[in-house]
C-alpha atoms as a PDB file:
ATOM      1  CA  MET A   1     158.465 -34.430  85.039  1.00  0.00           C
ATOM      2  CA  HIS A   2     155.301 -32.639  85.977  1.00  0.00           C
ATOM      3  CA  ARG A   3     155.535 -28.944  85.201  1.00  0.00           C
ATOM      4  CA  LEU A   4     152.676 -26.524  85.628  1.00  0.00           C
ATOM      5  CA  SER A   5     153.171 -23.541  83.371  1.00  0.00           C
ATOM      6  CA  THR A   6     151.095 -20.496  82.667  1.00  0.00           C
ATOM      7  CA  LEU A   7     149.576 -22.067  79.572  1.00  0.00           C
ATOM      8  CA  SER A   8     148.452 -25.167  81.429  1.00  0.00           C
ATOM      9  CA  GLN A   9     146.562 -23.027  83.893  1.00  0.00           C
ATOM     10  CA  GLY A  10     144.429 -21.460  81.192  1.00  0.00           C
ATOM     11  CA  PRO A  11     144.697 -18.235  79.225  1.00  0.00           C
ATOM     12  CA  CYS A  12     146.870 -15.600  80.841  1.00  0.00           C
ATOM     13  CA  ASP A  13     145.264 -12.217  80.501  1.00  0.00           C
ATOM     14  CA  GLN A  14     147.503  -9.320  79.549  1.00  0.00           C
ATOM     15  CA  TRP A  15     145.221  -7.161  81.678  1.00  0.00           C
ATOM     16  CA  GLY A  16     146.352  -9.216  84.664  1.00  0.00           C
ATOM     17  CA  VAL A  17     149.964  -8.250  83.968  1.00  0.00           C
ATOM     18  CA  ALA A  18     148.981  -4.589  83.643  1.00  0.00           C
ATOM     19  CA  ALA A  19     147.041  -4.814  86.924  1.00  0.00           C
ATOM     20  CA  CYS A  20     150.072  -6.260  88.743  1.00  0.00           C
ATOM     21  CA  LEU A  21     152.347  -3.514  87.419  1.00  0.00           C
ATOM     22  CA  ALA A  22     149.823  -0.836  88.422  1.00  0.00           C
ATOM     23  CA  SER A  23     149.563  -2.388  91.887  1.00  0.00           C
ATOM     24  CA  GLY A  24     153.319  -2.132  92.385  1.00  0.00           C
ATOM     25  CA  LEU A  25     153.381   1.462  91.160  1.00  0.00           C
ATOM     26  CA  PHE A  26     150.677   2.652  93.565  1.00  0.00           C
ATOM     27  CA  ILE A  27     151.884   0.605  96.544  1.00  0.00           C
ATOM     28  CA  GLY A  28     155.280   2.281  96.153  1.00  0.00           C
ATOM     29  CA  PHE A  29     153.736   5.608  97.148  1.00  0.00           C
ATOM     30  CA  VAL A  30     152.800   4.263 100.592  1.00  0.00           C
ATOM     31  CA  PRO A  31     156.144   3.941 102.476  1.00  0.00           C
ATOM     32  CA  ALA A  32     157.250   7.594 102.204  1.00  0.00           C
ATOM     33  CA  THR A  33     153.760   9.057 102.697  1.00  0.00           C
ATOM     34  CA  SER A  34     153.130   6.773 105.666  1.00  0.00           C
ATOM     35  CA  ARG A  35     156.440   7.735 107.300  1.00  0.00           C
ATOM     36  CA  TYR A  36     155.700  11.423 106.653  1.00  0.00           C
ATOM     37  CA  VAL A  37     152.352  11.217 108.463  1.00  0.00           C
ATOM     38  CA  GLN A  38     153.705   9.060 111.302  1.00  0.00           C
ATOM     39  CA  ASP A  39     156.497  11.576 111.918  1.00  0.00           C
ATOM     40  CA  ARG A  40     153.762  14.109 112.663  1.00  0.00           C
ATOM     41  CA  GLY A  41     152.024  12.132 115.396  1.00  0.00           C
ATOM     42  CA  TYR A  42     149.934   9.400 113.789  1.00  0.00           C
ATOM     43  CA  THR A  43     150.402   5.766 114.835  1.00  0.00           C
ATOM     44  CA  PRO A  44     150.724   2.793 112.445  1.00  0.00           C
ATOM     45  CA  TYR A  45     147.299   1.621 113.600  1.00  0.00           C
ATOM     46  CA  GLN A  46     145.686   4.876 112.507  1.00  0.00           C
ATOM     47  CA  MET A  47     147.282   4.558 109.071  1.00  0.00           C
ATOM     48  CA  PHE A  48     146.085   0.972 108.950  1.00  0.00           C
ATOM     49  CA  LEU A  49     142.548   2.005 109.970  1.00  0.00           C
ATOM     50  CA  PHE A  50     142.173   4.741 107.349  1.00  0.00           C
ATOM     51  CA  ASN A  51     143.668   2.629 104.564  1.00  0.00           C
ATOM     52  CA  ASP A  52     141.457  -0.388 105.167  1.00  0.00           C
ATOM     53  CA  SER A  53     138.308   1.627 105.900  1.00  0.00           C
ATOM     54  CA  LEU A  54     138.497   3.211 102.452  1.00  0.00           C
ATOM     55  CA  ILE A  55     138.997  -0.165 100.773  1.00  0.00           C
ATOM     56  CA  LEU A  56     136.197  -1.781 102.794  1.00  0.00           C
ATOM     57  CA  LEU A  57     133.707   0.942 101.849  1.00  0.00           C
ATOM     58  CA  ALA A  58     134.530   0.505  98.163  1.00  0.00           C
ATOM     59  CA  VAL A  59     134.192  -3.290  98.374  1.00  0.00           C
ATOM     60  CA  LEU A  60     130.881  -3.091 100.250  1.00  0.00           C
ATOM     61  CA  PHE A  61     129.543  -0.663  97.644  1.00  0.00           C
ATOM     62  CA  VAL A  62     130.423  -3.129  94.880  1.00  0.00           C
ATOM     63  CA  GLY A  63     128.907  -5.998  96.855  1.00  0.00           C
ATOM     64  CA  VAL A  64     125.626  -4.171  97.450  1.00  0.00           C
ATOM     65  CA  PHE A  65     125.464  -2.957  93.850  1.00  0.00           C
ATOM     66  CA  ASN A  66     125.981  -6.487  92.487  1.00  0.00           C
ATOM     67  CA  LYS A  67     123.859  -8.096  95.246  1.00  0.00           C
ATOM     68  CA  THR A  68     126.711 -10.452  96.106  1.00  0.00           C
ATOM     69  CA  ASN A  69     126.031 -13.168  98.678  1.00  0.00           C
ATOM     70  CA  LEU A  70     128.578 -12.632 101.456  1.00  0.00           C
ATOM     71  CA  TRP A  71     127.552 -15.555 103.667  1.00  0.00           C
ATOM     72  CA  PRO A  72     130.102 -18.437 103.760  1.00  0.00           C
ATOM     73  CA  THR A  73     128.854 -21.717 102.341  1.00  0.00           C
ATOM     74  CA  SER A  74     130.917 -23.906 104.693  1.00  0.00           C
ATOM     75  CA  LEU A  75     132.901 -23.801 107.916  1.00  0.00           C
ATOM     76  CA  LYS A  76     136.091 -24.404 105.937  1.00  0.00           C
ATOM     77  CA  GLN A  77     135.460 -21.348 103.776  1.00  0.00           C
ATOM     78  CA  ALA A  78     134.651 -19.234 106.847  1.00  0.00           C
ATOM     79  CA  PHE A  79     137.839 -20.409 108.583  1.00  0.00           C
ATOM     80  CA  TRP A  80     140.093 -19.447 105.667  1.00  0.00           C
ATOM     81  CA  LEU A  81     138.349 -16.096 105.273  1.00  0.00           C
ATOM     82  CA  ILE A  82     139.042 -15.334 108.939  1.00  0.00           C
ATOM     83  CA  CYS A  83     142.669 -16.418 108.446  1.00  0.00           C
ATOM     84  CA  GLN A  84     142.892 -13.874 105.626  1.00  0.00           C
ATOM     85  CA  GLY A  85     141.950 -11.065 107.995  1.00  0.00           C
ATOM     86  CA  ILE A  86     144.327 -12.217 110.731  1.00  0.00           C
ATOM     87  CA  CYS A  87     147.287 -12.604 108.351  1.00  0.00           C
ATOM     88  CA  ARG A  88     146.663  -9.186 106.885  1.00  0.00           C
ATOM     89  CA  TYR A  89     146.446  -7.512 110.299  1.00  0.00           C
ATOM     90  CA  VAL A  90     149.758  -9.036 111.423  1.00  0.00           C
ATOM     91  CA  SER A  91     151.500  -8.319 108.112  1.00  0.00           C
ATOM     92  CA  ILE A  92     150.481  -4.700 107.639  1.00  0.00           C
ATOM     93  CA  THR A  93     150.984  -3.823 111.313  1.00  0.00           C
ATOM     94  CA  CYS A  94     154.552  -5.144 111.147  1.00  0.00           C
ATOM     95  CA  GLN A  95     155.130  -3.341 107.866  1.00  0.00           C
ATOM     96  CA  PHE A  96     153.925   0.066 109.081  1.00  0.00           C
ATOM     97  CA  ILE A  97     155.930  -0.208 112.304  1.00  0.00           C
ATOM     98  CA  SER A  98     159.043  -1.116 110.290  1.00  0.00           C
ATOM     99  CA  TYR A  99     158.653   2.179 108.392  1.00  0.00           C
ATOM    100  CA  ARG A 100     159.342   3.927 111.705  1.00  0.00           C
ATOM    101  CA  LYS A 101     162.343   1.820 112.687  1.00  0.00           C
ATOM    102  CA  ILE A 102     164.291   2.072 109.412  1.00  0.00           C
ATOM    103  CA  PRO A 103     163.974   4.223 106.259  1.00  0.00           C
ATOM    104  CA  PRO A 104     160.631   3.275 104.659  1.00  0.00           C
ATOM    105  CA  ALA A 105     161.945   2.374 101.213  1.00  0.00           C
ATOM    106  CA  ASN A 106     164.541   0.198 102.941  1.00  0.00           C
ATOM    107  CA  ALA A 107     161.789  -1.677 104.760  1.00  0.00           C
ATOM    108  CA  GLU A 108     159.902  -2.036 101.487  1.00  0.00           C
ATOM    109  CA  THR A 109     162.926  -3.539  99.709  1.00  0.00           C
ATOM    110  CA  ILE A 110     163.532  -6.051 102.491  1.00  0.00           C
ATOM    111  CA  TRP A 111     159.858  -7.010 102.231  1.00  0.00           C
ATOM    112  CA  SER A 112     160.170  -7.348  98.453  1.00  0.00           C
ATOM    113  CA  ALA A 113     163.352  -9.424  98.659  1.00  0.00           C
ATOM    114  CA  CYS A 114     161.748 -11.969 100.981  1.00  0.00           C
ATOM    115  CA  MET A 115     158.418 -12.236  99.155  1.00  0.00           C
ATOM    116  CA  PRO A 116     159.522 -14.332  96.114  1.00  0.00           C
ATOM    117  CA  VAL A 117     161.170 -16.942  98.352  1.00  0.00           C
ATOM    118  CA  PHE A 118     158.190 -17.236 100.684  1.00  0.00           C
ATOM    119  CA  VAL A 119     155.587 -17.231  97.897  1.00  0.00           C
ATOM    120  CA  PHE A 120     157.566 -19.760  95.836  1.00  0.00           C
ATOM    121  CA  THR A 121     157.794 -22.144  98.800  1.00  0.00           C
ATOM    122  CA  LEU A 122     154.177 -21.797  99.914  1.00  0.00           C
ATOM    123  CA  SER A 123     152.701 -21.983  96.398  1.00  0.00           C
ATOM    124  CA  CYS A 124     154.676 -25.137  95.612  1.00  0.00           C
ATOM    125  CA  VAL A 125     153.554 -26.811  98.840  1.00  0.00           C
ATOM    126  CA  PHE A 126     149.902 -25.742  98.998  1.00  0.00           C
ATOM    127  CA  LEU A 127     148.886 -24.785  95.434  1.00  0.00           C
ATOM    128  CA  HIS A 128     151.223 -27.161  93.551  1.00  0.00           C
ATOM    129  CA  GLU A 129     152.097 -24.294  91.217  1.00  0.00           C
ATOM    130  CA  ILE A 130     155.549 -24.789  89.718  1.00  0.00           C
ATOM    131  CA  PRO A 131     156.637 -21.465  88.217  1.00  0.00           C
ATOM    132  CA  THR A 132     158.112 -21.273  84.733  1.00  0.00           C
ATOM    133  CA  CYS A 133     161.842 -20.800  84.169  1.00  0.00           C
ATOM    134  CA  VAL A 134     161.257 -17.213  83.029  1.00  0.00           C
ATOM    135  CA  THR A 135     159.301 -16.441  86.194  1.00  0.00           C
ATOM    136  CA  ASN A 136     162.113 -17.908  88.306  1.00  0.00           C
ATOM    137  CA  LEU A 137     164.731 -15.919  86.383  1.00  0.00           C
ATOM    138  CA  GLY A 138     162.702 -12.713  86.671  1.00  0.00           C
ATOM    139  CA  SER A 139     162.254 -13.276  90.397  1.00  0.00           C
ATOM    140  CA  LEU A 140     166.014 -13.750  90.801  1.00  0.00           C
ATOM    141  CA  TRP A 141     166.690 -10.477  88.967  1.00  0.00           C
ATOM    142  CA  CYS A 142     164.149  -8.702  91.178  1.00  0.00           C
ATOM    143  CA  THR A 143     165.646 -10.233  94.305  1.00  0.00           C
ATOM    144  CA  ALA A 144     169.144  -9.172  93.221  1.00  0.00           C
ATOM    145  CA  GLY A 145     167.833  -5.663  92.662  1.00  0.00           C
ATOM    146  CA  VAL A 146     166.193  -5.316  96.040  1.00  0.00           C
ATOM    147  CA  VAL A 147     169.285  -6.779  97.754  1.00  0.00           C
ATOM    148  CA  LEU A 148     171.407  -4.068  96.118  1.00  0.00           C
ATOM    149  CA  LEU A 149     168.899  -1.436  97.195  1.00  0.00           C
ATOM    150  CA  GLY A 150     168.846  -2.777 100.731  1.00  0.00           C
ATOM    151  CA  TYR A 151     172.641  -2.874 100.900  1.00  0.00           C
ATOM    152  CA  SER A 152     172.793   0.704  99.658  1.00  0.00           C
ATOM    153  CA  ASP A 153     170.470   1.783 102.449  1.00  0.00           C
ATOM    154  CA  PHE A 154     172.544  -0.154 104.974  1.00  0.00           C
ATOM    155  CA  VAL A 155     175.759   1.582 103.889  1.00  0.00           C
ATOM    156  CA  ASN A 156     174.388   5.100 103.482  1.00  0.00           C
ATOM    157  CA  ARG A 157     171.523   5.484 105.959  1.00  0.00           C
ATOM    158  CA  TRP A 158     171.780   3.010 108.783  1.00  0.00           C
ATOM    159  CA  PRO A 159     174.663   4.724 110.628  1.00  0.00           C
ATOM    160  CA  SER A 160     172.141   7.360 111.750  1.00  0.00           C
ATOM    161  CA  THR A 161     169.767   4.644 112.966  1.00  0.00           C
ATOM    162  CA  ASP A 162     169.970   2.985 116.364  1.00  0.00           C
ATOM    163  CA  ALA A 163     171.291  -0.584 116.002  1.00  0.00           C
ATOM    164  CA  ALA A 164     168.497  -2.086 118.099  1.00  0.00           C
ATOM    165  CA  ASP A 165     165.822  -0.249 116.114  1.00  0.00           C
ATOM    166  CA  ALA A 166     167.453  -1.351 112.860  1.00  0.00           C
ATOM    167  CA  GLY A 167     167.396  -4.990 113.946  1.00  0.00           C
ATOM    168  CA  ILE A 168     163.766  -4.721 115.011  1.00  0.00           C
ATOM    169  CA  GLY A 169     162.882  -3.013 111.740  1.00  0.00           C
ATOM    170  CA  VAL A 170     164.476  -5.771 109.656  1.00  0.00           C
ATOM    171  CA  ALA A 171     162.778  -8.494 111.707  1.00  0.00           C
ATOM    172  CA  LEU A 172     159.407  -6.770 111.325  1.00  0.00           C
ATOM    173  CA  ALA A 173     159.867  -6.397 107.557  1.00  0.00           C
ATOM    174  CA  VAL A 174     160.700 -10.113 107.202  1.00  0.00           C
ATOM    175  CA  THR A 175     157.709 -11.079 109.364  1.00  0.00           C
ATOM    176  CA  ALA A 176     155.479  -8.838 107.261  1.00  0.00           C
ATOM    177  CA  ALA A 177     156.727 -10.544 104.082  1.00  0.00           C
ATOM    178  CA  LEU A 178     156.108 -14.037 105.468  1.00  0.00           C
ATOM    179  CA  THR A 179     152.555 -13.313 106.622  1.00  0.00           C
ATOM    180  CA  TYR A 180     151.749 -11.432 103.403  1.00  0.00           C
ATOM    181  CA  ALA A 181     153.007 -14.399 101.370  1.00  0.00           C
ATOM    182  CA  MET A 182     150.661 -16.624 103.383  1.00  0.00           C
ATOM    183  CA  LEU A 183     147.844 -14.168 102.644  1.00  0.00           C
ATOM    184  CA  SER A 184     148.613 -14.126  98.906  1.00  0.00           C
ATOM    185  CA  VAL A 185     148.731 -17.908  98.557  1.00  0.00           C
ATOM    186  CA  ASN A 186     145.575 -18.360 100.634  1.00  0.00           C
ATOM    187  CA  ALA A 187     143.799 -15.675  98.587  1.00  0.00           C
ATOM    188  CA  LYS A 188     144.807 -17.427  95.355  1.00  0.00           C
ATOM    189  CA  SER A 189     143.300 -20.655  96.697  1.00  0.00           C
ATOM    190  CA  LEU A 190     140.120 -18.940  97.933  1.00  0.00           C
ATOM    191  CA  LEU A 191     139.535 -17.180  94.618  1.00  0.00           C
ATOM    192  CA  GLY A 192     139.110 -20.597  93.027  1.00  0.00           C
ATOM    193  CA  TYR A 193     135.738 -21.063  94.754  1.00  0.00           C
ATOM    194  CA  THR A 194     134.977 -17.702  96.389  1.00  0.00           C
ATOM    195  CA  SER A 195     134.097 -14.372  94.807  1.00  0.00           C
ATOM    196  CA  ARG A 196     136.684 -11.598  94.905  1.00  0.00           C
ATOM    197  CA  THR A 197     134.168  -9.330  96.655  1.00  0.00           C
ATOM    198  CA  MET A 198     133.609 -11.861  99.431  1.00  0.00           C
ATOM    199  CA  VAL A 199     137.326 -12.426 100.011  1.00  0.00           C
ATOM    200  CA  MET A 200     138.041  -8.697 100.216  1.00  0.00           C
ATOM    201  CA  THR A 201     134.998  -7.991 102.421  1.00  0.00           C
ATOM    202  CA  TYR A 202     136.056 -10.442 105.119  1.00  0.00           C
ATOM    203  CA  THR A 203     139.757  -9.596 104.848  1.00  0.00           C
ATOM    204  CA  TYR A 204     139.317  -5.837 105.180  1.00  0.00           C
ATOM    205  CA  GLY A 205     136.304  -6.038 107.474  1.00  0.00           C
ATOM    206  CA  ILE A 206     138.279  -7.972 110.079  1.00  0.00           C
ATOM    207  CA  THR A 207     141.338  -5.738 109.793  1.00  0.00           C
ATOM    208  CA  THR A 208     139.297  -2.522 109.924  1.00  0.00           C
ATOM    209  CA  VAL A 209     137.617  -3.568 113.180  1.00  0.00           C
ATOM    210  CA  THR A 210     140.840  -4.734 114.837  1.00  0.00           C
ATOM    211  CA  ALA A 211     142.818  -1.703 113.648  1.00  0.00           C
ATOM    212  CA  GLY A 212     140.044   0.605 114.866  1.00  0.00           C
ATOM    213  CA  ILE A 213     140.092  -0.927 118.345  1.00  0.00           C
ATOM    214  CA  THR A 214     143.897  -0.785 118.529  1.00  0.00           C
ATOM    215  CA  ALA A 215     144.020   2.804 117.246  1.00  0.00           C
ATOM    216  CA  GLY A 216     141.398   3.902 119.765  1.00  0.00           C
ATOM    217  CA  LEU A 217     143.436   2.455 122.622  1.00  0.00           C
ATOM    218  CA  THR A 218     146.887   3.692 121.557  1.00  0.00           C
ATOM    219  CA  SER A 219     146.427   6.959 119.630  1.00  0.00           C
ATOM    220  CA  THR A 220     146.348  10.476 121.087  1.00  0.00           C
ATOM    221  CA  VAL A 221     146.627  12.637 117.940  1.00  0.00           C
ATOM    222  CA  TRP A 222     143.719  12.685 115.470  1.00  0.00           C
ATOM    223  CA  ARG A 223     143.659  16.202 114.012  1.00  0.00           C
ATOM    224  CA  LEU A 224     146.248  16.999 111.342  1.00  0.00           C
ATOM    225  CA  GLU A 225     147.490  20.084 109.544  1.00  0.00           C
ATOM    226  CA  PRO A 226     145.995  20.516 106.033  1.00  0.00           C
ATOM    227  CA  GLU A 227     149.257  19.564 104.327  1.00  0.00           C
ATOM    228  CA  THR A 228     149.663  16.408 106.405  1.00  0.00           C
ATOM    229  CA  ALA A 229     146.006  15.524 105.886  1.00  0.00           C
ATOM    230  CA  GLY A 230     146.557  15.795 102.133  1.00  0.00           C
ATOM    231  CA  VAL A 231     149.534  13.421 102.323  1.00  0.00           C
ATOM    232  CA  LEU A 232     147.387  11.023 104.368  1.00  0.00           C
ATOM    233  CA  ALA A 233     144.711  11.128 101.666  1.00  0.00           C
ATOM    234  CA  VAL A 234     147.296  10.388  98.963  1.00  0.00           C
ATOM    235  CA  SER A 235     148.626   7.480 101.024  1.00  0.00           C
ATOM    236  CA  CYS A 236     145.173   5.978 101.565  1.00  0.00           C
ATOM    237  CA  ILE A 237     144.065   6.367  97.933  1.00  0.00           C
ATOM    238  CA  SER A 238     147.352   4.946  96.613  1.00  0.00           C
ATOM    239  CA  TYR A 239     147.092   2.003  98.971  1.00  0.00           C
ATOM    240  CA  ALA A 240     143.483   1.321  97.973  1.00  0.00           C
ATOM    241  CA  LEU A 241     144.330   1.410  94.264  1.00  0.00           C
ATOM    242  CA  GLY A 242     147.343  -0.845  94.819  1.00  0.00           C
ATOM    243  CA  VAL A 243     145.245  -3.439  96.634  1.00  0.00           C
ATOM    244  CA  LEU A 244     142.483  -3.262  94.021  1.00  0.00           C
ATOM    245  CA  PHE A 245     144.893  -3.919  91.156  1.00  0.00           C
ATOM    246  CA  PHE A 246     146.632  -6.641  93.188  1.00  0.00           C
ATOM    247  CA  TYR A 247     143.444  -8.682  93.529  1.00  0.00           C
ATOM    248  CA  LEU A 248     142.553  -8.099  89.878  1.00  0.00           C
ATOM    249  CA  GLY A 249     145.947  -9.430  88.822  1.00  0.00           C
ATOM    250  CA  LEU A 250     145.949 -12.322  91.308  1.00  0.00           C
ATOM    251  CA  LYS A 251     142.859 -13.797  89.670  1.00  0.00           C
ATOM    252  CA  LEU A 252     144.468 -13.803  86.200  1.00  0.00           C
ATOM    253  CA  VAL A 253     148.195 -14.369  86.730  1.00  0.00           C
ATOM    254  CA  GLU A 254     150.172 -17.172  88.385  1.00  0.00           C
ATOM    255  CA  VAL A 255     150.988 -16.158  91.968  1.00  0.00           C
ATOM    256  CA  ASN A 256     154.801 -16.297  91.548  1.00  0.00           C
ATOM    257  CA  ALA A 257     154.550 -13.994  88.530  1.00  0.00           C
ATOM    258  CA  VAL A 258     152.400 -11.593  90.569  1.00  0.00           C
ATOM    259  CA  THR A 259     155.126 -11.447  93.217  1.00  0.00           C
ATOM    260  CA  ALA A 260     157.747 -10.521  90.616  1.00  0.00           C
ATOM    261  CA  LEU A 261     155.605  -7.948  88.819  1.00  0.00           C
ATOM    262  CA  VAL A 262     154.516  -5.973  91.900  1.00  0.00           C
ATOM    263  CA  GLN A 263     158.175  -5.312  92.757  1.00  0.00           C
ATOM    264  CA  LEU A 264     157.846  -2.317  90.473  1.00  0.00           C
ATOM    265  CA  ASN A 265     157.049  -0.569  93.781  1.00  0.00           C
ATOM    266  CA  ALA A 266     160.797  -0.016  94.281  1.00  0.00           C
ATOM    267  CA  PHE A 267     160.814   2.747  91.654  1.00  0.00           C
ATOM    268  CA  SER A 268     157.980   4.826  93.088  1.00  0.00           C
ATOM    269  CA  ALA A 269     159.062   4.106  96.682  1.00  0.00           C
ATOM    270  CA  TYR A 270     162.608   5.409  96.236  1.00  0.00           C
ATOM    271  CA  GLY A 271     161.570   8.306  94.038  1.00  0.00           C
ATOM    272  CA  LEU A 272     158.990   9.584  96.503  1.00  0.00           C
ATOM    273  CA  GLN A 273     161.285   8.974  99.474  1.00  0.00           C
ATOM    274  CA  TRP A 274     163.904  11.181  97.805  1.00  0.00           C
ATOM    275  CA  ALA A 275     161.343  13.912  97.116  1.00  0.00           C
ATOM    276  CA  MET A 276     159.610  13.873 100.524  1.00  0.00           C
ATOM    277  CA  LEU A 277     162.238  12.685 103.014  1.00  0.00           C
ATOM    278  CA  GLY A 278     165.446  13.853 101.334  1.00  0.00           C
ATOM    279  CA  PHE A 279     167.179  10.476 100.868  1.00  0.00           C
ATOM    280  CA  ALA A 280     168.960  10.902  97.513  1.00  0.00           C
ATOM    281  CA  PRO A 281     169.512   7.664  95.529  1.00  0.00           C
ATOM    282  CA  THR A 282     173.080   6.378  95.120  1.00  0.00           C
ATOM    283  CA  VAL A 283     174.865   4.373  92.414  1.00  0.00           C
ATOM    284  CA  LEU A 284     173.868   1.146  94.176  1.00  0.00           C
ATOM    285  CA  ASP A 285     170.263   2.348  94.165  1.00  0.00           C
ATOM    286  CA  GLY A 286     170.465   2.835  90.401  1.00  0.00           C
ATOM    287  CA  LEU A 287     171.943  -0.635  89.843  1.00  0.00           C
ATOM    288  CA  GLY A 288     169.289  -2.185  92.048  1.00  0.00           C
ATOM    289  CA  LEU A 289     166.457  -0.434  90.242  1.00  0.00           C
ATOM    290  CA  ALA A 290     167.923  -1.579  86.909  1.00  0.00           C
ATOM    291  CA  CYS A 291     167.863  -5.203  88.110  1.00  0.00           C
ATOM    292  CA  VAL A 292     164.251  -4.834  89.226  1.00  0.00           C
ATOM    293  CA  LEU A 293     163.370  -3.395  85.818  1.00  0.00           C
ATOM    294  CA  VAL A 294     165.006  -6.351  84.015  1.00  0.00           C
ATOM    295  CA  GLY A 295     163.227  -8.901  86.194  1.00  0.00           C
ATOM    296  CA  THR A 296     159.827  -7.248  85.960  1.00  0.00           C
ATOM    297  CA  SER A 297     160.108  -6.739  82.199  1.00  0.00           C
ATOM    298  CA  SER A 298     161.101 -10.365  81.569  1.00  0.00           C
ATOM    299  CA  VAL A 299     158.083 -11.704  83.461  1.00  0.00           C
ATOM    300  CA  ALA A 300     155.729  -9.209  81.813  1.00  0.00           C
ATOM    301  CA  MET A 301     156.979 -10.082  78.311  1.00  0.00           C
ATOM    302  CA  TRP A 302     156.744 -13.819  79.026  1.00  0.00           C
ATOM    303  CA  GLU A 303     153.148 -13.487  80.211  1.00  0.00           C
ATOM    304  CA  ALA A 304     152.259 -11.461  77.103  1.00  0.00           C
ATOM    305  CA  LEU A 305     153.955 -14.046  74.852  1.00  0.00           C
ATOM    306  CA  ALA A 306     152.120 -16.889  76.573  1.00  0.00           C
ATOM    307  CA  ARG A 307     148.835 -15.080  76.035  1.00  0.00           C
ATOM    308  CA  TRP A 308     149.610 -14.519  72.340  1.00  0.00           C
ATOM    309  CA  LYS A 309     150.574 -18.183  71.804  1.00  0.00           C
ATOM    310  CA  ASP A 310     147.425 -19.373  73.547  1.00  0.00           C
ATOM    311  CA  GLU A 311     145.221 -17.146  71.405  1.00  0.00           C
ATOM    312  CA  ARG A 312     146.940 -18.406  68.233  1.00  0.00           C
ATOM    313  CA  HIS A 313     146.377 -21.989  69.384  1.00  0.00           C
ATOM    314  CA  VAL A 314     142.673 -21.342  70.009  1.00  0.00           C
ATOM    315  CA  VAL A 315     142.267 -19.788  66.543  1.00  0.00           C
ATOM    316  CA  PHE A 316     144.086 -22.725  64.933  1.00  0.00           C
ATOM    317  CA  MET A 317     141.911 -25.292  66.716  1.00  0.00           C
ATOM    318  CA  LYS A 318     138.742 -23.477  65.659  1.00  0.00           C
ATOM    319  CA  ARG A 319     139.888 -23.473  62.040  1.00  0.00           C
ATOM    320  CA  LEU A 320     140.843 -27.159  62.272  1.00  0.00           C
ATOM    321  CA  ASN A 321     137.440 -28.085  63.683  1.00  0.00           C
ATOM    322  CA  PHE A 322     135.732 -26.041  60.962  1.00  0.00           C
ATOM    323  CA  PHE A 323     137.792 -27.826  58.296  1.00  0.00           C
ATOM    324  CA  LYS A 324     136.917 -31.244  59.732  1.00  0.00           C
ATOM    325  CA  SER A 325     133.201 -30.407  59.829  1.00  0.00           C
ATOM    326  CA  THR A 326     133.370 -29.170  56.219  1.00  0.00           C
ATOM    327  CA  VAL A 327     135.065 -32.371  55.020  1.00  0.00           C
ATOM    328  CA  LYS A 328     132.429 -34.510  56.710  1.00  0.00           C
END
């Protein structure tokens, strides 16, 4: 039976695990801050524009500083880079709109619950990456956690939400998860023969232009109160840091493990939603967060153990080769 594990893919960097966890932590700040700003007149497209503009400027600065060649080497590479931008535009637009239809942390948990299933299916089909048993178990724990969190929101917060809006919000969150899973798997494939700077430049360049055009056509409010502007800045910076750490981790960690690790966003998402929007967590919320913690911790510890075993193996082989050369 062919089984592709973390060790067979090469050394797993513990910094990749840390990057994935940091990505989840920062991304969790976005739902509540985004909803806060949208409640005061901003559209999802404006949030999208400011978030991606900041990331694009940072990526272009790195590209110019390192003198990175950003011209595609083939039509195939150019096609998949364009697909990255399109998938991201569809995914994030659906996600930001879902924050308006249902409580933002609820939308985030629905997104998180769908991601492992979509990523697992797409990575098996297109990347031929078969996740380890620990990764599967961790993903199941995370999925159980986000299901509990979503059910808690359904019981305690949806009665105040219009049924049609709730249905639209759930559908948008699922669509966002599917397209983001496509983006993640395609990015993992592209990073095998394309620089990280090039992938991010095309992805965020395309989305910045399209979001800017859409925002210009649909938005009427641009000036914000100082407090709201500060929340917008926090949202944009948190989003940029989350994306940065996501791409750092994606290069070093198997894509199914990345999906499990970034679900740490549930903790920061629910905590900030309670502080900013007044939705106090319930017992079901606590149980769900505990499940997410178990799943994330199991994957993180497995990746660290795999790294330690691989390093021990490398040291042993070096000593063995040295012994053989000495005997000769």
